[in-house]
Amino acid sequence: MNKTNEKSWWSRASREQKLAQIDGGIECGMSARHIAVNLGATTSAVHEYGRRNGRRFTGTNTRKQQSRAGSIAGLGNARRLGKPDCEIASAFSIFGDFHSEKPMFDEVPA
């Protein structure tokens, strides 16, 4: 049984898109676990897919990466409960931009 959320980016992405995201994470020195959190997939799904396609994960879960990423367990639990990433305080961006005061979605006045 596939544990990946059917609405996640990972479940809808093409082979090229998945490999591009994995390659980008590897270039940034991220572990399979951190890449999986960003993609909305399980660590085992990302690791297995990468290994089957000749990718080697060299990143480690350093203290700096963990502080940047927030709580992996909390993020995973929130996603399992169906909470969108824009509402999860510990969700992060690989670009380093932290929580902004601007709303994420355009609001249309009533």
N, C-alpha and C. Protein backbone atom coordinates (compact mmCIF):
# COMPACT_ATOMS: atom_id res chain seq x y z
N MET A 1 0.84 -1.18 0.00
CA MET A 1 0.00 0.00 0.00
C MET A 1 0.88 1.24 0.00
N ASN A 2 0.54 2.19 -0.80
CA ASN A 2 1.30 3.43 -0.90
C ASN A 2 0.82 4.40 0.17
N LYS A 3 1.74 4.80 1.07
CA LYS A 3 1.38 5.71 2.16
C LYS A 3 1.42 7.16 1.73
N THR A 4 1.93 7.44 0.54
CA THR A 4 2.03 8.81 0.08
C THR A 4 0.64 9.40 -0.11
N ASN A 5 0.44 10.59 0.37
CA ASN A 5 -0.83 11.28 0.25
C ASN A 5 -1.18 11.46 -1.23
N GLU A 6 -2.37 11.07 -1.62
CA GLU A 6 -2.79 11.15 -3.03
C GLU A 6 -2.84 12.59 -3.55
N LYS A 7 -2.97 13.57 -2.67
CA LYS A 7 -3.04 14.96 -3.10
C LYS A 7 -1.67 15.64 -3.07
N SER A 8 -0.65 14.91 -2.68
CA SER A 8 0.68 15.51 -2.55
C SER A 8 1.31 15.75 -3.92
N TRP A 9 2.28 16.64 -3.92
CA TRP A 9 3.02 16.92 -5.14
C TRP A 9 3.69 15.66 -5.65
N TRP A 10 4.26 14.88 -4.75
CA TRP A 10 5.00 13.67 -5.10
C TRP A 10 4.13 12.68 -5.88
N SER A 11 2.89 12.50 -5.47
CA SER A 11 2.02 11.53 -6.12
C SER A 11 1.59 11.97 -7.52
N ARG A 12 1.65 13.27 -7.81
CA ARG A 12 1.24 13.79 -9.11
C ARG A 12 2.40 14.11 -10.04
N ALA A 13 3.62 14.11 -9.53
CA ALA A 13 4.78 14.54 -10.32
C ALA A 13 5.22 13.49 -11.33
N SER A 14 5.80 13.98 -12.42
CA SER A 14 6.36 13.08 -13.44
C SER A 14 7.72 12.58 -12.97
N ARG A 15 8.26 11.62 -13.69
CA ARG A 15 9.58 11.06 -13.37
C ARG A 15 10.64 12.17 -13.39
N GLU A 16 10.61 13.00 -14.42
CA GLU A 16 11.59 14.08 -14.55
C GLU A 16 11.48 15.08 -13.40
N GLN A 17 10.25 15.41 -13.00
CA GLN A 17 10.05 16.36 -11.91
C GLN A 17 10.58 15.80 -10.59
N LYS A 18 10.29 14.53 -10.34
CA LYS A 18 10.77 13.89 -9.10
C LYS A 18 12.29 13.88 -9.06
N LEU A 19 12.91 13.49 -10.16
CA LEU A 19 14.37 13.41 -10.20
C LEU A 19 15.00 14.80 -10.10
N ALA A 20 14.37 15.81 -10.68
CA ALA A 20 14.89 17.18 -10.58
C ALA A 20 14.87 17.65 -9.13
N GLN A 21 13.80 17.35 -8.40
CA GLN A 21 13.71 17.74 -6.99
C GLN A 21 14.73 16.99 -6.14
N ILE A 22 14.89 15.69 -6.42
CA ILE A 22 15.88 14.89 -5.68
C ILE A 22 17.28 15.41 -5.96
N ASP A 23 17.59 15.68 -7.24
CA ASP A 23 18.92 16.19 -7.60
C ASP A 23 19.19 17.54 -6.93
N GLY A 24 18.18 18.40 -6.90
CA GLY A 24 18.33 19.70 -6.25
C GLY A 24 18.61 19.57 -4.76
N GLY A 25 17.89 18.66 -4.12
CA GLY A 25 18.12 18.42 -2.69
C GLY A 25 19.50 17.86 -2.42
N ILE A 26 19.95 16.94 -3.27
CA ILE A 26 21.29 16.36 -3.12
C ILE A 26 22.34 17.44 -3.29
N GLU A 27 22.17 18.32 -4.29
CA GLU A 27 23.12 19.42 -4.50
C GLU A 27 23.19 20.35 -3.30
N CYS A 28 22.07 20.52 -2.60
CA CYS A 28 22.04 21.38 -1.41
C CYS A 28 22.55 20.66 -0.17
N GLY A 29 22.90 19.38 -0.30
CA GLY A 29 23.40 18.61 0.83
C GLY A 29 22.31 18.12 1.77
N MET A 30 21.09 18.02 1.26
CA MET A 30 19.97 17.58 2.09
C MET A 30 19.92 16.07 2.16
N SER A 31 19.40 15.56 3.26
CA SER A 31 19.21 14.12 3.41
C SER A 31 17.90 13.72 2.71
N ALA A 32 17.72 12.42 2.51
CA ALA A 32 16.48 11.93 1.91
C ALA A 32 15.28 12.32 2.77
N ARG A 33 15.48 12.36 4.07
CA ARG A 33 14.40 12.72 4.99
C ARG A 33 13.93 14.16 4.77
N HIS A 34 14.87 15.08 4.64
CA HIS A 34 14.50 16.48 4.42
C HIS A 34 13.88 16.70 3.04
N ILE A 35 14.38 16.00 2.05
CA ILE A 35 13.80 16.10 0.71
C ILE A 35 12.36 15.60 0.75
N ALA A 36 12.14 14.48 1.44
CA ALA A 36 10.80 13.90 1.54
C ALA A 36 9.82 14.87 2.20
N VAL A 37 10.25 15.54 3.24
CA VAL A 37 9.38 16.51 3.92
C VAL A 37 8.98 17.62 2.97
N ASN A 38 9.93 18.10 2.18
CA ASN A 38 9.63 19.17 1.22
C ASN A 38 8.67 18.72 0.13
N LEU A 39 8.75 17.45 -0.25
CA LEU A 39 7.94 16.95 -1.36
C LEU A 39 6.61 16.36 -0.94
N GLY A 40 6.39 16.20 0.34
CA GLY A 40 5.14 15.61 0.81
C GLY A 40 5.10 14.11 0.60
N ALA A 41 6.24 13.46 0.73
CA ALA A 41 6.34 12.02 0.54
C ALA A 41 6.99 11.39 1.76
N THR A 42 6.96 10.07 1.82
CA THR A 42 7.67 9.38 2.90
C THR A 42 9.15 9.32 2.57
N THR A 43 9.97 9.22 3.60
CA THR A 43 11.41 9.12 3.40
C THR A 43 11.75 7.89 2.57
N SER A 44 11.10 6.78 2.87
CA SER A 44 11.40 5.54 2.14
C SER A 44 11.04 5.66 0.66
N ALA A 45 9.96 6.37 0.34
CA ALA A 45 9.57 6.53 -1.06
C ALA A 45 10.61 7.33 -1.83
N VAL A 46 11.08 8.42 -1.24
CA VAL A 46 12.09 9.26 -1.89
C VAL A 46 13.41 8.51 -2.01
N HIS A 47 13.81 7.86 -0.92
CA HIS A 47 15.09 7.14 -0.91
C HIS A 47 15.08 6.01 -1.95
N GLU A 48 14.01 5.22 -1.96
CA GLU A 48 13.91 4.10 -2.91
C GLU A 48 13.88 4.61 -4.35
N TYR A 49 13.10 5.64 -4.62
CA TYR A 49 12.99 6.18 -5.98
C TYR A 49 14.34 6.72 -6.45
N GLY A 50 15.01 7.44 -5.57
CA GLY A 50 16.32 7.98 -5.92
C GLY A 50 17.33 6.88 -6.19
N ARG A 51 17.37 5.88 -5.33
CA ARG A 51 18.34 4.79 -5.50
C ARG A 51 18.05 3.99 -6.78
N ARG A 52 16.77 3.77 -7.08
CA ARG A 52 16.41 3.04 -8.31
C ARG A 52 16.83 3.79 -9.55
N ASN A 53 16.95 5.10 -9.44
CA ASN A 53 17.32 5.93 -10.59
C ASN A 53 18.75 6.44 -10.50
N GLY A 54 19.58 5.75 -9.74
CA GLY A 54 21.01 6.04 -9.70
C GLY A 54 21.42 7.23 -8.87
N ARG A 55 20.58 7.69 -7.95
CA ARG A 55 20.93 8.82 -7.10
C ARG A 55 21.48 8.30 -5.78
N ARG A 56 22.45 9.03 -5.23
CA ARG A 56 23.05 8.64 -3.95
C ARG A 56 22.90 9.81 -2.98
N PHE A 57 22.26 9.54 -1.87
CA PHE A 57 22.02 10.57 -0.86
C PHE A 57 23.22 10.65 0.06
N THR A 58 23.83 11.84 0.11
CA THR A 58 25.02 12.02 0.94
C THR A 58 24.76 12.96 2.10
N GLY A 59 23.64 13.62 2.10
CA GLY A 59 23.35 14.59 3.15
C GLY A 59 23.10 13.92 4.48
N THR A 60 23.41 14.63 5.54
CA THR A 60 23.15 14.15 6.89
C THR A 60 22.25 15.15 7.59
N ASN A 61 21.61 14.69 8.62
CA ASN A 61 20.72 15.56 9.39
C ASN A 61 21.54 16.33 10.41
N THR A 62 22.14 17.42 9.98
CA THR A 62 22.94 18.23 10.90
C THR A 62 22.04 19.09 11.77
N ARG A 63 22.59 19.59 12.84
CA ARG A 63 21.82 20.44 13.75
C ARG A 63 21.32 21.69 13.04
N LYS A 64 22.14 22.27 12.16
CA LYS A 64 21.74 23.47 11.43
C LYS A 64 20.55 23.16 10.51
N GLN A 65 20.61 22.02 9.79
CA GLN A 65 19.50 21.64 8.92
C GLN A 65 18.24 21.41 9.73
N GLN A 66 18.37 20.75 10.88
CA GLN A 66 17.19 20.46 11.69
C GLN A 66 16.56 21.73 12.23
N SER A 67 17.37 22.70 12.62
CA SER A 67 16.79 23.95 13.11
C SER A 67 16.11 24.71 11.99
N ARG A 68 16.67 24.62 10.78
CA ARG A 68 16.06 25.28 9.62
C ARG A 68 14.76 24.60 9.24
N ALA A 69 14.73 23.30 9.36
CA ALA A 69 13.57 22.54 8.93
C ALA A 69 12.42 22.57 9.92
N GLY A 70 12.68 22.89 11.16
CA GLY A 70 11.63 22.83 12.15
C GLY A 70 11.42 21.39 12.59
N SER A 71 10.33 21.11 13.17
CA SER A 71 10.06 19.78 13.69
C SER A 71 9.54 18.88 12.57
N ILE A 72 10.36 17.92 12.17
CA ILE A 72 9.97 16.98 11.12
C ILE A 72 8.75 16.18 11.54
N ALA A 73 8.76 15.71 12.78
CA ALA A 73 7.63 14.90 13.26
C ALA A 73 6.35 15.71 13.29
N GLY A 74 6.43 16.96 13.75
CA GLY A 74 5.24 17.81 13.79
C GLY A 74 4.70 18.11 12.41
N LEU A 75 5.60 18.33 11.47
CA LEU A 75 5.19 18.60 10.09
C LEU A 75 4.53 17.37 9.48
N GLY A 76 5.12 16.21 9.72
CA GLY A 76 4.54 14.96 9.20
C GLY A 76 3.17 14.70 9.78
N ASN A 77 3.01 14.92 11.08
CA ASN A 77 1.71 14.71 11.72
C ASN A 77 0.66 15.67 11.17
N ALA A 78 1.03 16.92 10.98
CA ALA A 78 0.09 17.90 10.44
C ALA A 78 -0.34 17.53 9.03
N ARG A 79 0.60 17.05 8.23
CA ARG A 79 0.25 16.64 6.87
C ARG A 79 -0.67 15.43 6.88
N ARG A 80 -0.43 14.48 7.78
CA ARG A 80 -1.30 13.31 7.87
C ARG A 80 -2.72 13.70 8.26
N LEU A 81 -2.84 14.76 9.04
CA LEU A 81 -4.16 15.25 9.44
C LEU A 81 -4.83 16.08 8.35
N GLY A 82 -4.13 16.31 7.24
CA GLY A 82 -4.71 17.03 6.11
C GLY A 82 -4.55 18.53 6.17
N LYS A 83 -3.70 19.04 7.04
CA LYS A 83 -3.49 20.48 7.14
C LYS A 83 -2.61 20.95 5.99
N PRO A 84 -2.99 22.01 5.27
CA PRO A 84 -2.16 22.50 4.16
C PRO A 84 -0.85 23.11 4.67
N ASP A 85 0.20 23.00 3.86
CA ASP A 85 1.52 23.48 4.26
C ASP A 85 1.53 24.95 4.65
N CYS A 86 0.69 25.77 4.01
CA CYS A 86 0.70 27.20 4.30
C CYS A 86 0.21 27.50 5.72
N GLU A 87 -0.44 26.53 6.37
CA GLU A 87 -0.91 26.73 7.74
C GLU A 87 0.01 26.10 8.78
N ILE A 88 1.05 25.40 8.33
CA ILE A 88 1.95 24.71 9.25
C ILE A 88 3.12 25.62 9.57
N ALA A 89 3.26 25.98 10.83
CA ALA A 89 4.30 26.94 11.23
C ALA A 89 5.70 26.41 11.00
N SER A 90 5.90 25.09 11.10
CA SER A 90 7.25 24.54 10.96
C SER A 90 7.62 24.20 9.52
N ALA A 91 6.71 24.42 8.57
CA ALA A 91 7.05 24.18 7.17
C ALA A 91 8.10 25.21 6.76
N PHE A 92 9.02 24.82 5.90
CA PHE A 92 10.10 25.72 5.56
C PHE A 92 10.33 25.73 4.07
N SER A 93 11.12 26.70 3.65
CA SER A 93 11.48 26.84 2.25
C SER A 93 12.98 26.65 2.12
N ILE A 94 13.41 25.96 1.08
CA ILE A 94 14.85 25.77 0.88
C ILE A 94 15.52 27.08 0.50
N PHE A 95 14.72 28.10 0.20
CA PHE A 95 15.28 29.40 -0.17
C PHE A 95 15.55 30.28 1.04
N GLY A 96 15.17 29.83 2.23
CA GLY A 96 15.49 30.55 3.44
C GLY A 96 14.58 31.71 3.78
N ASP A 97 13.49 31.90 3.03
CA ASP A 97 12.59 32.99 3.37
C ASP A 97 11.65 32.51 4.47
N PHE A 98 11.66 33.23 5.56
CA PHE A 98 10.87 32.84 6.71
C PHE A 98 9.48 33.43 6.61
N HIS A 99 8.68 33.16 7.62
CA HIS A 99 7.28 33.56 7.62
C HIS A 99 7.13 35.04 7.26
N SER A 100 6.32 35.29 6.31
CA SER A 100 6.10 36.65 5.84
C SER A 100 4.76 37.13 6.37
N GLU A 101 4.61 38.41 6.48
CA GLU A 101 3.35 38.98 6.94
C GLU A 101 2.32 39.05 5.81
N LYS A 102 2.76 38.83 4.58
CA LYS A 102 1.83 38.88 3.46
C LYS A 102 1.00 37.60 3.42
N PRO A 103 -0.27 37.69 3.09
CA PRO A 103 -1.06 36.48 2.96
C PRO A 103 -0.57 35.65 1.77
N MET A 104 -0.70 34.34 1.91
CA MET A 104 -0.21 33.46 0.86
C MET A 104 -1.11 33.48 -0.37
N PHE A 105 -2.39 33.60 -0.14
CA PHE A 105 -3.33 33.57 -1.25
C PHE A 105 -3.96 34.95 -1.42
N ASP A 106 -4.29 35.29 -2.64
CA ASP A 106 -4.99 36.56 -2.87
C ASP A 106 -6.38 36.48 -2.28
N GLU A 107 -6.74 37.50 -1.58
CA GLU A 107 -8.07 37.53 -0.98
C GLU A 107 -8.96 38.44 -1.80
N VAL A 108 -10.12 37.96 -2.11
CA VAL A 108 -11.09 38.73 -2.89
C VAL A 108 -12.09 39.33 -1.91
N PRO A 109 -12.25 40.66 -1.91
CA PRO A 109 -13.22 41.26 -0.98
C PRO A 109 -14.64 40.83 -1.33
N ALA A 110 -15.45 40.69 -0.30
CA ALA A 110 -16.84 40.25 -0.50
C ALA A 110 -17.71 41.35 -1.02
